[in-house]
Amino acid sequence: MKEYGSNIQKLTDYIISLPDKEQRTKYAHILVELMRQIHPNMREGIDYSKKLWDDLYIIANFDLDVDSPFPAPPKEILGKRPMIVPYNQHHLKHRFYGRNLELLVLKAMITENLDDRKAFISYMVRLMKNFYQTWNKDTIETEDCLQQILELSGFRFQSEIDALRRDGLMESSPKDGNGSRQRIPQPQGNGGHGGHNHNRNDRDNRDRDANRNRGGGDNRDRNKNFNGGGGYKNDRNNNNNNNRNNKRR
């Protein structure tokens, strides 16, 4: 196996050549840990440990007699092709909306209340606009969305869509399975956390002003002391000049 390199192949061949089974088992466990270090990005787990032992048996060409924690894999796995995973082939009329939109249309069709059906249709229109902008640079008109929903429903929403065209989309959300309307979170403005931020900013501004006032008082005191020091220096100079004049006399 190329992902482990030629050195692992040589060590495996050496383990196979050992006559003592206990010694082969000991070296096989050490070799599995070495194989684990070669690919440290692989996740730890039972499945990964089993994969390492399966790879060791494959490297040994299934000719390895050791006491492993997992049974040796069958030789048929090498030539066995993987199963074909079936792909859901839904004949979607509008692929960029996805299958979930069609499921929403079916759910709206079994809703008995008229206002709930109109709320479902209004919700789907907003959802379709978001989906459309994901794959296209331009926007889609509300009328186009309503017409597409009408076609997906087999023209069963004719009366509801006519009412929405006349009165506009509903702002309320459709009801969930419990009979309560789904709440759509709204961004919080000054009434939410913004009020707390505003109060905190006010406190910070008051603290800053107080510190500035205290700093100004300290500066005034330092200026006063400096001026006072200058006055002391002037008095000392005057005394020195008087002493010199007395000596000349």
Protein backbone atom coordinates (compact mmCIF):
# COMPACT_ATOMS: atom_id res chain seq x y z
CA MET A 1 0.00 0.00 0.00
CA LYS A 2 1.60 3.23 -1.19
CA GLU A 3 0.27 5.42 1.60
CA TYR A 4 2.45 3.61 4.16
CA GLY A 5 5.66 3.41 2.17
CA SER A 6 8.19 0.67 1.43
CA ASN A 7 9.59 0.56 4.98
CA ILE A 8 6.27 -0.68 6.36
CA GLN A 9 6.28 -3.36 3.67
CA LYS A 10 9.78 -4.48 4.69
CA LEU A 11 8.86 -4.57 8.39
CA THR A 12 5.76 -6.61 7.56
CA ASP A 13 7.83 -9.10 5.59
CA TYR A 14 10.21 -9.37 8.54
CA ILE A 15 7.32 -10.06 10.96
CA ILE A 16 6.01 -12.80 8.68
CA SER A 17 9.43 -14.47 8.68
CA LEU A 18 9.58 -14.73 12.49
CA PRO A 19 8.98 -18.31 13.69
CA ASP A 20 7.57 -17.40 17.12
CA LYS A 21 3.88 -16.38 17.07
CA GLU A 22 4.13 -14.45 20.34
CA GLN A 23 6.99 -12.41 18.96
CA ARG A 24 5.09 -11.83 15.69
CA THR A 25 2.08 -10.59 17.67
CA LYS A 26 4.24 -8.21 19.71
CA TYR A 27 5.90 -6.72 16.64
CA ALA A 28 2.58 -6.53 14.80
CA HIS A 29 1.10 -4.34 17.56
CA ILE A 30 4.20 -2.12 17.43
CA LEU A 31 3.92 -1.88 13.65
CA VAL A 32 0.23 -0.88 13.87
CA GLU A 33 1.15 1.96 16.23
CA LEU A 34 3.84 3.03 13.76
CA MET A 35 1.26 3.02 10.98
CA ARG A 36 -0.97 5.17 13.18
CA GLN A 37 1.81 7.75 13.55
CA ILE A 38 2.28 7.94 9.79
CA HIS A 39 -1.25 9.35 9.50
CA PRO A 40 -1.77 11.37 12.71
CA ASN A 41 -4.67 13.31 11.21
CA MET A 42 -6.88 10.24 11.24
CA ARG A 43 -9.35 10.11 14.11
CA GLU A 44 -8.99 7.74 17.00
CA GLY A 45 -11.61 5.05 17.33
CA ILE A 46 -12.44 1.41 16.92
CA ASP A 47 -13.17 1.77 13.21
CA TYR A 48 -9.79 3.37 12.55
CA SER A 49 -7.97 0.69 14.59
CA LYS A 50 -9.77 -2.00 12.60
CA LYS A 51 -8.77 -0.25 9.38
CA LEU A 52 -5.11 -0.30 10.43
CA TRP A 53 -5.22 -4.02 11.15
CA ASP A 54 -7.01 -4.66 7.86
CA ASP A 55 -4.32 -2.69 6.06
CA LEU A 56 -1.63 -4.72 7.81
CA TYR A 57 -3.23 -7.97 6.66
CA ILE A 58 -3.47 -6.61 3.12
CA ILE A 59 0.19 -5.55 3.18
CA ALA A 60 1.07 -9.05 4.38
CA ASN A 61 -1.01 -10.54 1.52
CA PHE A 62 -3.23 -12.17 4.17
CA ASP A 63 -0.29 -14.34 5.24
CA LEU A 64 0.01 -13.02 8.81
CA ASP A 65 -0.62 -15.35 11.75
CA VAL A 66 -0.90 -13.16 14.86
CA ASP A 67 -3.32 -12.63 17.74
CA SER A 68 -4.97 -9.41 16.60
CA PRO A 69 -7.92 -7.68 18.31
CA PHE A 70 -9.87 -7.94 15.05
CA PRO A 71 -10.44 -10.90 12.74
CA ALA A 72 -8.58 -11.00 9.46
CA PRO A 73 -10.59 -9.54 6.57
CA PRO A 74 -11.63 -11.84 3.72
CA LYS A 75 -9.51 -11.82 0.61
CA GLU A 76 -12.54 -11.04 -1.53
CA ILE A 77 -12.60 -7.40 -0.34
CA LEU A 78 -9.72 -6.50 -2.65
CA GLY A 79 -11.61 -7.21 -5.85
CA LYS A 80 -15.04 -6.25 -4.60
CA ARG A 81 -16.53 -3.10 -6.06
CA PRO A 82 -18.33 -0.73 -3.72
CA MET A 83 -22.08 -0.56 -3.76
CA ILE A 84 -23.67 2.08 -5.93
CA VAL A 85 -25.39 4.68 -3.79
CA PRO A 86 -28.72 5.62 -5.36
CA TYR A 87 -29.21 9.32 -5.95
CA ASN A 88 -32.57 10.90 -5.31
CA GLN A 89 -33.84 11.91 -8.70
CA HIS A 90 -36.59 14.36 -7.85
CA HIS A 91 -37.94 16.07 -10.91
CA LEU A 92 -37.75 19.56 -9.48
CA LYS A 93 -39.35 22.26 -11.56
CA HIS A 94 -37.23 24.96 -9.92
CA ARG A 95 -33.95 23.38 -8.85
CA PHE A 96 -32.45 26.48 -7.25
CA TYR A 97 -35.30 26.42 -4.66
CA GLY A 98 -34.65 22.80 -3.69
CA ARG A 99 -36.91 20.01 -2.53
CA ASN A 100 -37.81 21.68 0.76
CA LEU A 101 -39.87 24.35 -0.99
CA GLU A 102 -42.04 21.70 -2.58
CA LEU A 103 -42.48 20.09 0.84
CA LEU A 104 -43.59 23.45 2.23
CA VAL A 105 -46.12 23.77 -0.58
CA LEU A 106 -47.51 20.33 0.29
CA LYS A 107 -47.67 21.28 3.97
CA ALA A 108 -49.51 24.49 3.11
CA MET A 109 -51.99 22.53 1.00
CA ILE A 110 -53.09 20.41 3.98
CA THR A 111 -53.52 23.47 6.22
CA GLU A 112 -57.18 24.08 6.89
CA ASN A 113 -57.19 27.70 8.03
CA LEU A 114 -57.22 30.31 5.28
CA ASP A 115 -55.04 32.80 7.15
CA ASP A 116 -52.51 30.07 7.88
CA ARG A 117 -52.32 29.20 4.19
CA LYS A 118 -51.77 32.84 3.32
CA ALA A 119 -49.08 33.06 6.01
CA PHE A 120 -47.41 29.97 4.53
CA ILE A 121 -47.43 31.49 1.06
CA SER A 122 -46.03 34.79 2.35
CA TYR A 123 -43.30 32.91 4.21
CA MET A 124 -42.42 30.93 1.07
CA VAL A 125 -42.16 34.10 -0.98
CA ARG A 126 -39.58 35.54 1.41
CA LEU A 127 -37.74 32.23 1.43
CA MET A 128 -37.72 32.02 -2.36
CA LYS A 129 -36.23 35.50 -2.62
CA ASN A 130 -33.37 34.49 -0.32
CA PHE A 131 -32.75 31.28 -2.28
CA TYR A 132 -32.86 33.14 -5.57
CA GLN A 133 -30.29 35.71 -4.43
CA THR A 134 -27.97 32.89 -3.35
CA TRP A 135 -27.56 31.68 -6.95
CA ASN A 136 -28.26 34.88 -8.88
CA LYS A 137 -26.93 38.42 -8.72
CA ASP A 138 -30.29 40.06 -9.38
CA THR A 139 -33.53 39.83 -7.40
CA ILE A 140 -36.86 38.23 -8.18
CA GLU A 141 -40.20 39.99 -8.05
CA THR A 142 -42.94 39.01 -5.61
CA GLU A 143 -45.35 38.42 -8.49
CA ASP A 144 -42.99 35.86 -10.02
CA CYS A 145 -42.73 34.01 -6.70
CA LEU A 146 -46.49 33.92 -6.30
CA GLN A 147 -46.92 32.58 -9.82
CA GLN A 148 -44.34 29.85 -9.21
CA ILE A 149 -46.04 28.83 -5.96
CA LEU A 150 -49.34 28.74 -7.80
CA GLU A 151 -47.86 26.39 -10.41
CA LEU A 152 -46.26 24.15 -7.76
CA SER A 153 -49.60 23.81 -5.98
CA GLY A 154 -51.41 22.82 -9.13
CA PHE A 155 -53.34 26.12 -9.07
CA ARG A 156 -54.98 25.20 -5.76
CA PHE A 157 -53.89 28.46 -4.12
CA GLN A 158 -55.63 30.67 -6.65
CA SER A 159 -57.92 32.41 -4.16
CA GLU A 160 -55.18 32.84 -1.53
CA ILE A 161 -52.70 34.27 -4.02
CA ASP A 162 -55.33 36.61 -5.45
CA ALA A 163 -55.96 37.93 -1.94
CA LEU A 164 -52.21 38.40 -1.36
CA ARG A 165 -51.86 40.23 -4.66
CA ARG A 166 -54.67 42.54 -3.61
CA ASP A 167 -53.78 43.07 0.08
CA GLY A 168 -50.04 42.37 0.11
CA LEU A 169 -48.00 39.73 1.90
CA MET A 170 -48.71 38.83 5.51
CA GLU A 171 -46.09 39.69 8.10
CA SER A 172 -47.10 36.90 10.49
CA SER A 173 -45.30 33.55 10.42
CA PRO A 174 -47.04 30.22 9.77
CA LYS A 175 -48.03 28.05 12.68
CA ASP A 176 -45.87 25.14 13.77
CA GLY A 177 -47.07 21.68 14.73
CA ASN A 178 -48.11 22.81 18.22
CA GLY A 179 -50.54 25.40 16.88
CA SER A 180 -48.42 28.38 17.96
CA ARG A 181 -46.90 30.81 15.49
CA GLN A 182 -43.19 30.60 14.93
CA ARG A 183 -41.37 33.54 16.42
CA ILE A 184 -38.88 35.28 14.16
CA PRO A 185 -36.10 36.97 16.17
CA GLN A 186 -35.83 40.69 15.50
CA PRO A 187 -32.63 42.72 15.81
CA GLN A 188 -32.44 44.56 19.09
CA GLY A 189 -32.18 48.30 18.98
CA ASN A 190 -31.89 50.88 21.74
CA GLY A 191 -34.58 49.09 23.70
CA GLY A 192 -32.49 45.93 23.97
CA HIS A 193 -28.84 45.62 24.79
CA GLY A 194 -28.25 48.99 23.18
CA GLY A 195 -29.71 50.66 26.29
CA HIS A 196 -27.19 48.85 28.45
CA ASN A 197 -24.39 49.94 26.13
CA HIS A 198 -25.67 53.52 26.27
CA ASN A 199 -25.66 53.50 30.08
CA ARG A 200 -22.21 51.96 30.14
CA ASN A 201 -20.93 54.66 27.78
CA ASP A 202 -22.41 57.33 30.04
CA ARG A 203 -20.60 55.85 33.03
CA ASP A 204 -17.35 55.71 31.09
CA ASN A 205 -17.71 59.34 30.05
CA ARG A 206 -18.41 60.42 33.64
CA ASP A 207 -15.36 58.51 34.89
CA ARG A 208 -13.21 60.05 32.17
CA ASP A 209 -14.38 63.56 33.05
CA ALA A 210 -13.71 62.93 36.73
CA ASN A 211 -10.18 61.72 35.98
CA ARG A 212 -9.59 64.74 33.78
CA ASN A 213 -10.74 67.08 36.56
CA ARG A 214 -8.48 65.37 39.05
CA GLY A 215 -5.63 65.60 36.58
CA GLY A 216 -6.30 69.32 36.10
CA GLY A 217 -6.20 69.87 39.87
CA ASP A 218 -2.87 68.11 40.08
CA ASN A 219 -1.53 70.24 37.26
CA ARG A 220 -2.71 73.38 39.03
CA ASP A 221 -1.00 72.24 42.22
CA ARG A 222 2.21 71.53 40.33
CA ASN A 223 2.04 74.95 38.67
CA LYS A 224 1.46 76.54 42.05
CA ASN A 225 4.46 74.78 43.53
CA PHE A 226 6.55 75.72 40.54
CA ASN A 227 5.56 79.36 40.86
CA GLY A 228 6.20 79.19 44.54
CA GLY A 229 9.62 77.68 43.88
CA GLY A 230 10.35 80.49 41.48
CA GLY A 231 9.43 83.01 44.21
CA TYR A 232 11.84 81.37 46.62
CA LYS A 233 14.57 81.54 44.01
CA ASN A 234 13.95 85.24 43.42
CA ASP A 235 14.13 85.94 47.17
CA ARG A 236 17.45 84.09 47.39
CA ASN A 237 18.88 86.09 44.50
CA ASN A 238 17.80 89.34 46.15
CA ASN A 239 19.56 88.39 49.39
CA ASN A 240 22.78 87.58 47.54
CA ASN A 241 22.73 90.95 45.80
CA ASN A 242 22.24 92.76 49.11
CA ASN A 243 25.21 90.93 50.63
CA ARG A 244 27.47 91.96 47.73
CA ASN A 245 26.46 95.62 48.07
CA ASN A 246 27.16 95.54 51.79
CA LYS A 247 30.68 94.16 51.20
CA ARG A 248 31.49 96.92 48.71
CA ARG A 249 30.56 99.55 51.22
